[in-house]
């Protein structure tokens, strides 16, 4: 770039009790080489591998702390001389999709685009379809606890589409997904499109919880390339 500062893609894993570890990711390599994007992988509160307390630090009513970690990361990006705070993009899958959507909702000016793959768009909706065992109740809460569900609704993108600041969005959904209610994802998409938000949507009739393949990779590349070019024109 003219300023020497790189666009930033922040990636958030699903789970949430998963650990993002260093591996060779061909999609990362493509984006870094072709678009000059600096990619940050995160292990926010709730991730495994850092002790039990850290893994439990986002449970139930503490769900918002995971979103706060991304917002704090945005503060860190702004202080880095080689990263461009005017070109910050978020990507997350499943629960990670929930985090990046919620973070963008809370950061309507700093986040420039979002990629949400098979995303949880409502904790309440997620619990209504998924198998609610003791783990799910410990992690997200008992769906019968209306006070807690109401608190989680304030974080859920599906319930707060009016707070979305027309941030361009790429979403993906598989027809065979047994975890995420398709109706919730479509509802969010429709709400945002009615607000004239730029929404790219991939719907796969063959995939379940996770949509992949060369066409998805190509779409992610095209989406980010488009957003980077648009951001540059606005400068």
C-alpha atoms as a PDB file:
ATOM      1  CA  UNK A   1       0.000   0.000   0.000  1.00  0.00           C
ATOM      2  CA  UNK A   2       1.041   3.637  -0.377  1.00  0.00           C
ATOM      3  CA  UNK A   3       1.323   4.020   3.381  1.00  0.00           C
ATOM      4  CA  UNK A   4       3.126   0.714   3.814  1.00  0.00           C
ATOM      5  CA  UNK A   5       0.422  -0.435   6.209  1.00  0.00           C
ATOM      6  CA  UNK A   6      -1.264  -3.763   5.471  1.00  0.00           C
ATOM      7  CA  UNK A   7      -4.972  -4.643   5.475  1.00  0.00           C
ATOM      8  CA  UNK A   8      -5.846  -6.921   8.413  1.00  0.00           C
ATOM      9  CA  UNK A   9      -7.969 -10.081   8.455  1.00  0.00           C
ATOM     10  CA  UNK A  10      -8.808 -11.300  11.961  1.00  0.00           C
ATOM     11  CA  UNK A  11      -9.897 -14.945  12.118  1.00  0.00           C
ATOM     12  CA  UNK A  12     -11.879 -16.499  14.981  1.00  0.00           C
ATOM     13  CA  UNK A  13     -12.219 -20.257  15.378  1.00  0.00           C
ATOM     14  CA  UNK A  14     -15.415 -22.086  16.288  1.00  0.00           C
ATOM     15  CA  UNK A  15     -15.968 -24.294  19.274  1.00  0.00           C
ATOM     16  CA  UNK A  16     -15.561 -22.264  21.370  1.00  0.00           C
ATOM     17  CA  UNK A  17     -13.468 -24.857  23.205  1.00  0.00           C
ATOM     18  CA  UNK A  18     -10.938 -25.208  20.394  1.00  0.00           C
ATOM     19  CA  UNK A  19      -7.358 -23.966  20.099  1.00  0.00           C
ATOM     20  CA  UNK A  20      -6.104 -22.246  16.954  1.00  0.00           C
ATOM     21  CA  UNK A  21      -2.548 -23.488  16.431  1.00  0.00           C
ATOM     22  CA  UNK A  22       0.056 -22.623  13.774  1.00  0.00           C
ATOM     23  CA  UNK A  23      -0.477 -24.658  10.607  1.00  0.00           C
ATOM     24  CA  UNK A  24       0.013 -24.081   6.893  1.00  0.00           C
ATOM     25  CA  UNK A  25      -3.280 -22.767   5.539  1.00  0.00           C
ATOM     26  CA  UNK A  26      -3.354 -22.467   1.721  1.00  0.00           C
ATOM     27  CA  UNK A  27      -6.191 -19.913   1.866  1.00  0.00           C
ATOM     28  CA  UNK A  28      -4.138 -17.737   4.211  1.00  0.00           C
ATOM     29  CA  UNK A  29      -1.199 -18.023   1.830  1.00  0.00           C
ATOM     30  CA  UNK A  30      -3.393 -17.029  -1.130  1.00  0.00           C
ATOM     31  CA  UNK A  31      -4.795 -13.967   0.621  1.00  0.00           C
ATOM     32  CA  UNK A  32      -1.429 -12.878   1.962  1.00  0.00           C
ATOM     33  CA  UNK A  33       0.377 -13.250  -1.354  1.00  0.00           C
ATOM     34  CA  UNK A  34      -2.309 -11.981  -3.722  1.00  0.00           C
ATOM     35  CA  UNK A  35      -3.992  -9.302  -1.604  1.00  0.00           C
ATOM     36  CA  UNK A  36      -1.197  -8.327   0.763  1.00  0.00           C
ATOM     37  CA  UNK A  37      -3.383  -9.092   3.766  1.00  0.00           C
ATOM     38  CA  UNK A  38      -1.908  -9.565   7.243  1.00  0.00           C
ATOM     39  CA  UNK A  39      -3.824 -12.412   8.924  1.00  0.00           C
ATOM     40  CA  UNK A  40      -4.270 -12.666  12.677  1.00  0.00           C
ATOM     41  CA  UNK A  41      -5.457 -15.950  14.190  1.00  0.00           C
ATOM     42  CA  UNK A  42      -6.999 -15.615  17.631  1.00  0.00           C
ATOM     43  CA  UNK A  43      -7.567 -17.673  20.763  1.00  0.00           C
ATOM     44  CA  UNK A  44     -10.089 -15.526  22.582  1.00  0.00           C
ATOM     45  CA  UNK A  45     -11.575 -16.300  25.980  1.00  0.00           C
ATOM     46  CA  UNK A  46     -13.247 -19.696  25.847  1.00  0.00           C
ATOM     47  CA  UNK A  47     -10.461 -21.330  23.821  1.00  0.00           C
ATOM     48  CA  UNK A  48      -8.805 -24.504  25.088  1.00  0.00           C
ATOM     49  CA  UNK A  49      -5.105 -24.935  25.757  1.00  0.00           C
ATOM     50  CA  UNK A  50      -4.677 -22.085  28.246  1.00  0.00           C
ATOM     51  CA  UNK A  51      -6.124 -23.567  31.408  1.00  0.00           C
ATOM     52  CA  UNK A  52      -9.581 -24.243  32.728  1.00  0.00           C
ATOM     53  CA  UNK A  53     -10.245 -20.715  33.964  1.00  0.00           C
ATOM     54  CA  UNK A  54      -9.538 -19.246  30.522  1.00  0.00           C
ATOM     55  CA  UNK A  55     -11.732 -21.856  28.868  1.00  0.00           C
ATOM     56  CA  UNK A  56     -14.604 -21.046  31.234  1.00  0.00           C
ATOM     57  CA  UNK A  57     -14.150 -17.271  30.968  1.00  0.00           C
ATOM     58  CA  UNK A  58     -16.886 -16.891  28.328  1.00  0.00           C
ATOM     59  CA  UNK A  59     -19.521 -19.209  29.795  1.00  0.00           C
ATOM     60  CA  UNK A  60     -23.201 -18.196  29.908  1.00  0.00           C
ATOM     61  CA  UNK A  61     -23.555 -14.580  31.114  1.00  0.00           C
ATOM     62  CA  UNK A  62     -19.835 -13.976  30.360  1.00  0.00           C
ATOM     63  CA  UNK A  63     -20.353 -14.513  26.627  1.00  0.00           C
ATOM     64  CA  UNK A  64     -19.781 -10.819  25.923  1.00  0.00           C
ATOM     65  CA  UNK A  65     -16.178 -11.102  27.127  1.00  0.00           C
ATOM     66  CA  UNK A  66     -15.263 -13.110  24.026  1.00  0.00           C
ATOM     67  CA  UNK A  67     -16.563 -10.233  21.899  1.00  0.00           C
ATOM     68  CA  UNK A  68     -14.642  -7.739  24.048  1.00  0.00           C
ATOM     69  CA  UNK A  69     -11.422  -9.617  23.230  1.00  0.00           C
ATOM     70  CA  UNK A  70     -11.890  -8.847  19.529  1.00  0.00           C
ATOM     71  CA  UNK A  71     -12.641  -5.203  20.304  1.00  0.00           C
ATOM     72  CA  UNK A  72      -9.437  -5.022  22.361  1.00  0.00           C
ATOM     73  CA  UNK A  73      -7.562  -6.560  19.444  1.00  0.00           C
ATOM     74  CA  UNK A  74      -8.821  -3.719  17.247  1.00  0.00           C
ATOM     75  CA  UNK A  75      -7.238  -1.298  19.717  1.00  0.00           C
ATOM     76  CA  UNK A  76      -3.948  -3.204  19.383  1.00  0.00           C
ATOM     77  CA  UNK A  77      -4.095  -3.104  15.572  1.00  0.00           C
ATOM     78  CA  UNK A  78      -4.440   0.685  15.674  1.00  0.00           C
ATOM     79  CA  UNK A  79      -1.108   0.934  17.503  1.00  0.00           C
ATOM     80  CA  UNK A  80       0.867  -1.157  14.989  1.00  0.00           C
ATOM     81  CA  UNK A  81       2.877   0.857  12.468  1.00  0.00           C
ATOM     82  CA  UNK A  82       2.680  -1.863   9.788  1.00  0.00           C
ATOM     83  CA  UNK A  83      -1.091  -2.537  10.032  1.00  0.00           C
ATOM     84  CA  UNK A  84      -3.868  -0.371   8.595  1.00  0.00           C
ATOM     85  CA  UNK A  85      -6.670   0.261  11.130  1.00  0.00           C
ATOM     86  CA  UNK A  86      -8.833   1.605   8.297  1.00  0.00           C
ATOM     87  CA  UNK A  87      -8.837  -1.826   6.648  1.00  0.00           C
ATOM     88  CA  UNK A  88      -9.905  -4.347   9.286  1.00  0.00           C
ATOM     89  CA  UNK A  89     -11.898  -7.412   8.218  1.00  0.00           C
ATOM     90  CA  UNK A  90     -13.266 -10.238  10.383  1.00  0.00           C
ATOM     91  CA  UNK A  91     -13.784 -13.925   9.598  1.00  0.00           C
ATOM     92  CA  UNK A  92     -15.288 -16.646  11.789  1.00  0.00           C
ATOM     93  CA  UNK A  93     -16.902 -20.050  11.484  1.00  0.00           C
ATOM     94  CA  UNK A  94     -19.793 -21.448  13.540  1.00  0.00           C
ATOM     95  CA  UNK A  95     -19.416 -19.941  17.035  1.00  0.00           C
ATOM     96  CA  UNK A  96     -16.582 -17.838  15.606  1.00  0.00           C
ATOM     97  CA  UNK A  97     -19.169 -16.494  13.184  1.00  0.00           C
ATOM     98  CA  UNK A  98     -21.264 -15.379  16.126  1.00  0.00           C
ATOM     99  CA  UNK A  99     -18.280 -13.566  17.643  1.00  0.00           C
ATOM    100  CA  UNK A 100     -17.301 -11.685  14.479  1.00  0.00           C
ATOM    101  CA  UNK A 101     -20.902 -10.708  13.696  1.00  0.00           C
ATOM    102  CA  UNK A 102     -21.427  -9.462  17.231  1.00  0.00           C
ATOM    103  CA  UNK A 103     -18.081  -7.646  17.218  1.00  0.00           C
ATOM    104  CA  UNK A 104     -18.993  -5.866  13.977  1.00  0.00           C
ATOM    105  CA  UNK A 105     -22.344  -4.906  15.483  1.00  0.00           C
ATOM    106  CA  UNK A 106     -20.468  -3.283  18.398  1.00  0.00           C
ATOM    107  CA  UNK A 107     -17.797  -1.741  16.140  1.00  0.00           C
ATOM    108  CA  UNK A 108     -19.869  -0.236  13.310  1.00  0.00           C
ATOM    109  CA  UNK A 109     -17.071   2.014  12.028  1.00  0.00           C
ATOM    110  CA  UNK A 110     -13.822   0.143  12.661  1.00  0.00           C
ATOM    111  CA  UNK A 111     -14.851  -3.167  11.029  1.00  0.00           C
ATOM    112  CA  UNK A 112     -15.019  -2.847   7.225  1.00  0.00           C
ATOM    113  CA  UNK A 113     -16.335  -6.299   6.228  1.00  0.00           C
ATOM    114  CA  UNK A 114     -17.253  -9.674   7.747  1.00  0.00           C
ATOM    115  CA  UNK A 115     -17.075 -13.286   6.578  1.00  0.00           C
ATOM    116  CA  UNK A 116     -19.352 -15.576   8.622  1.00  0.00           C
ATOM    117  CA  UNK A 117     -19.239 -19.289   7.782  1.00  0.00           C
ATOM    118  CA  UNK A 118     -22.146 -21.428   9.040  1.00  0.00           C
ATOM    119  CA  UNK A 119     -22.574 -18.818  11.776  1.00  0.00           C
ATOM    120  CA  UNK A 120     -24.481 -18.934  15.029  1.00  0.00           C
ATOM    121  CA  UNK A 121     -26.612 -15.804  14.676  1.00  0.00           C
ATOM    122  CA  UNK A 122     -28.664 -16.345  17.836  1.00  0.00           C
ATOM    123  CA  UNK A 123     -27.687 -18.292  20.965  1.00  0.00           C
ATOM    124  CA  UNK A 124     -31.369 -18.854  21.698  1.00  0.00           C
ATOM    125  CA  UNK A 125     -31.928 -20.176  18.185  1.00  0.00           C
ATOM    126  CA  UNK A 126     -28.808 -22.333  18.361  1.00  0.00           C
ATOM    127  CA  UNK A 127     -30.000 -23.981  21.559  1.00  0.00           C
ATOM    128  CA  UNK A 128     -33.445 -24.535  20.068  1.00  0.00           C
ATOM    129  CA  UNK A 129     -32.017 -26.801  17.354  1.00  0.00           C
ATOM    130  CA  UNK A 130     -28.842 -28.289  18.790  1.00  0.00           C
ATOM    131  CA  UNK A 131     -28.723 -31.184  21.217  1.00  0.00           C
ATOM    132  CA  UNK A 132     -28.752 -29.457  24.607  1.00  0.00           C
ATOM    133  CA  UNK A 133     -26.693 -31.654  26.945  1.00  0.00           C
ATOM    134  CA  UNK A 134     -24.881 -30.765  30.159  1.00  0.00           C
ATOM    135  CA  UNK A 135     -21.935 -29.329  28.215  1.00  0.00           C
ATOM    136  CA  UNK A 136     -24.192 -27.022  26.219  1.00  0.00           C
ATOM    137  CA  UNK A 137     -25.938 -25.843  29.381  1.00  0.00           C
ATOM    138  CA  UNK A 138     -22.592 -25.143  31.056  1.00  0.00           C
ATOM    139  CA  UNK A 139     -21.215 -23.296  28.019  1.00  0.00           C
ATOM    140  CA  UNK A 140     -24.239 -21.346  26.822  1.00  0.00           C
ATOM    141  CA  UNK A 141     -26.809 -21.713  29.575  1.00  0.00           C
ATOM    142  CA  UNK A 142     -30.125 -23.469  30.072  1.00  0.00           C
ATOM    143  CA  UNK A 143     -32.547 -22.400  27.311  1.00  0.00           C
ATOM    144  CA  UNK A 144     -35.267 -22.390  29.992  1.00  0.00           C
ATOM    145  CA  UNK A 145     -33.434 -19.590  31.834  1.00  0.00           C
ATOM    146  CA  UNK A 146     -35.314 -16.696  30.238  1.00  0.00           C
ATOM    147  CA  UNK A 147     -33.326 -13.969  32.031  1.00  0.00           C
ATOM    148  CA  UNK A 148     -30.066 -15.366  30.656  1.00  0.00           C
ATOM    149  CA  UNK A 149     -31.502 -15.907  27.180  1.00  0.00           C
ATOM    150  CA  UNK A 150     -32.715 -12.301  27.138  1.00  0.00           C
ATOM    151  CA  UNK A 151     -29.194 -11.128  28.055  1.00  0.00           C
ATOM    152  CA  UNK A 152     -27.699 -13.240  25.274  1.00  0.00           C
ATOM    153  CA  UNK A 153     -30.269 -11.825  22.846  1.00  0.00           C
ATOM    154  CA  UNK A 154     -28.595  -8.423  23.300  1.00  0.00           C
ATOM    155  CA  UNK A 155     -25.404  -9.944  21.819  1.00  0.00           C
ATOM    156  CA  UNK A 156     -27.093 -11.952  19.066  1.00  0.00           C
ATOM    157  CA  UNK A 157     -26.895 -10.372  15.579  1.00  0.00           C
ATOM    158  CA  UNK A 158     -30.326 -11.741  14.667  1.00  0.00           C
ATOM    159  CA  UNK A 159     -31.938  -9.598  17.368  1.00  0.00           C
ATOM    160  CA  UNK A 160     -29.923  -6.463  16.569  1.00  0.00           C
ATOM    161  CA  UNK A 161     -29.885  -6.112  12.795  1.00  0.00           C
ATOM    162  CA  UNK A 162     -30.936  -2.472  13.165  1.00  0.00           C
ATOM    163  CA  UNK A 163     -27.518  -1.772  14.740  1.00  0.00           C
ATOM    164  CA  UNK A 164     -25.648  -3.070  11.680  1.00  0.00           C
ATOM    165  CA  UNK A 165     -23.925  -0.193   9.908  1.00  0.00           C
ATOM    166  CA  UNK A 166     -24.179  -1.544   6.344  1.00  0.00           C
ATOM    167  CA  UNK A 167     -20.911  -3.445   6.794  1.00  0.00           C
ATOM    168  CA  UNK A 168     -20.476  -5.746   3.740  1.00  0.00           C
ATOM    169  CA  UNK A 169     -21.075  -9.373   4.702  1.00  0.00           C
ATOM    170  CA  UNK A 170     -20.311 -12.776   3.186  1.00  0.00           C
ATOM    171  CA  UNK A 171     -22.316 -15.619   4.766  1.00  0.00           C
ATOM    172  CA  UNK A 172     -22.398 -19.336   4.023  1.00  0.00           C
ATOM    173  CA  UNK A 173     -24.944 -22.003   4.943  1.00  0.00           C
ATOM    174  CA  UNK A 174     -25.234 -25.727   4.247  1.00  0.00           C
ATOM    175  CA  UNK A 175     -28.637 -27.349   3.737  1.00  0.00           C
ATOM    176  CA  UNK A 176     -27.554 -30.385   5.781  1.00  0.00           C
ATOM    177  CA  UNK A 177     -26.400 -28.323   8.761  1.00  0.00           C
ATOM    178  CA  UNK A 178     -27.920 -29.960  11.836  1.00  0.00           C
ATOM    179  CA  UNK A 179     -26.590 -27.364  14.288  1.00  0.00           C
ATOM    180  CA  UNK A 180     -27.557 -23.964  12.912  1.00  0.00           C
ATOM    181  CA  UNK A 181     -31.222 -23.141  12.215  1.00  0.00           C
ATOM    182  CA  UNK A 182     -31.257 -22.181   8.542  1.00  0.00           C
ATOM    183  CA  UNK A 183     -34.284 -19.946   9.110  1.00  0.00           C
ATOM    184  CA  UNK A 184     -32.266 -17.786  11.523  1.00  0.00           C
ATOM    185  CA  UNK A 185     -29.450 -17.232   9.009  1.00  0.00           C
ATOM    186  CA  UNK A 186     -31.890 -16.435   6.206  1.00  0.00           C
ATOM    187  CA  UNK A 187     -33.788 -14.078   8.512  1.00  0.00           C
ATOM    188  CA  UNK A 188     -30.607 -12.130   9.313  1.00  0.00           C
ATOM    189  CA  UNK A 189     -29.664 -12.023   5.626  1.00  0.00           C
ATOM    190  CA  UNK A 190     -33.081 -10.683   4.672  1.00  0.00           C
ATOM    191  CA  UNK A 191     -33.069  -8.062   7.426  1.00  0.00           C
ATOM    192  CA  UNK A 192     -29.675  -6.741   6.346  1.00  0.00           C
ATOM    193  CA  UNK A 193     -30.542  -6.729   2.648  1.00  0.00           C
ATOM    194  CA  UNK A 194     -33.665  -4.689   3.380  1.00  0.00           C
ATOM    195  CA  UNK A 195     -31.322  -2.111   4.930  1.00  0.00           C
ATOM    196  CA  UNK A 196     -29.345  -2.034   1.657  1.00  0.00           C
ATOM    197  CA  UNK A 197     -26.381  -3.874   3.171  1.00  0.00           C
ATOM    198  CA  UNK A 198     -24.134  -5.599   0.648  1.00  0.00           C
ATOM    199  CA  UNK A 199     -24.654  -9.296   1.437  1.00  0.00           C
ATOM    200  CA  UNK A 200     -22.945 -12.127  -0.443  1.00  0.00           C
ATOM    201  CA  UNK A 201     -24.584 -15.479   0.318  1.00  0.00           C
ATOM    202  CA  UNK A 202     -23.470 -19.027  -0.441  1.00  0.00           C
ATOM    203  CA  UNK A 203     -26.032 -21.798   0.038  1.00  0.00           C
ATOM    204  CA  UNK A 204     -24.832 -25.365  -0.486  1.00  0.00           C
ATOM    205  CA  UNK A 205     -27.318 -28.212  -0.877  1.00  0.00           C
ATOM    206  CA  UNK A 206     -24.537 -30.776  -0.371  1.00  0.00           C
ATOM    207  CA  UNK A 207     -22.763 -29.462   2.741  1.00  0.00           C
ATOM    208  CA  UNK A 208     -23.612 -29.514   6.412  1.00  0.00           C
ATOM    209  CA  UNK A 209     -21.986 -27.551   9.230  1.00  0.00           C
ATOM    210  CA  UNK A 210     -19.166 -26.082   7.199  1.00  0.00           C
ATOM    211  CA  UNK A 211     -19.117 -25.127   3.521  1.00  0.00           C
ATOM    212  CA  UNK A 212     -15.845 -25.496   1.651  1.00  0.00           C
ATOM    213  CA  UNK A 213     -14.207 -26.174  -1.677  1.00  0.00           C
ATOM    214  CA  UNK A 214     -12.474 -24.214  -4.414  1.00  0.00           C
ATOM    215  CA  UNK A 215     -15.529 -22.108  -5.246  1.00  0.00           C
ATOM    216  CA  UNK A 216     -15.854 -20.982  -1.625  1.00  0.00           C
ATOM    217  CA  UNK A 217     -12.156 -20.104  -1.511  1.00  0.00           C
ATOM    218  CA  UNK A 218     -12.541 -18.157  -4.755  1.00  0.00           C
ATOM    219  CA  UNK A 219     -15.542 -16.294  -3.343  1.00  0.00           C
ATOM    220  CA  UNK A 220     -13.703 -15.376  -0.147  1.00  0.00           C
ATOM    221  CA  UNK A 221     -10.833 -14.064  -2.277  1.00  0.00           C
ATOM    222  CA  UNK A 222     -13.169 -12.067  -4.529  1.00  0.00           C
ATOM    223  CA  UNK A 223     -15.147 -10.692  -1.582  1.00  0.00           C
ATOM    224  CA  UNK A 224     -12.040  -9.479   0.255  1.00  0.00           C
ATOM    225  CA  UNK A 225     -10.495  -8.096  -2.928  1.00  0.00           C
ATOM    226  CA  UNK A 226     -13.693  -6.145  -3.601  1.00  0.00           C
ATOM    227  CA  UNK A 227     -13.856  -4.745  -0.058  1.00  0.00           C
ATOM    228  CA  UNK A 228     -10.163  -3.771  -0.039  1.00  0.00           C
ATOM    229  CA  UNK A 229     -10.547  -1.938  -3.335  1.00  0.00           C
ATOM    230  CA  UNK A 230     -13.683  -0.155  -2.132  1.00  0.00           C
ATOM    231  CA  UNK A 231     -11.999   0.861   1.118  1.00  0.00           C
ATOM    232  CA  UNK A 232      -9.034   2.285  -0.803  1.00  0.00           C
ATOM    233  CA  UNK A 233     -11.358   4.345  -2.993  1.00  0.00           C
ATOM    234  CA  UNK A 234     -13.026   5.834   0.080  1.00  0.00           C
ATOM    235  CA  UNK A 235      -9.729   7.041   1.565  1.00  0.00           C
END
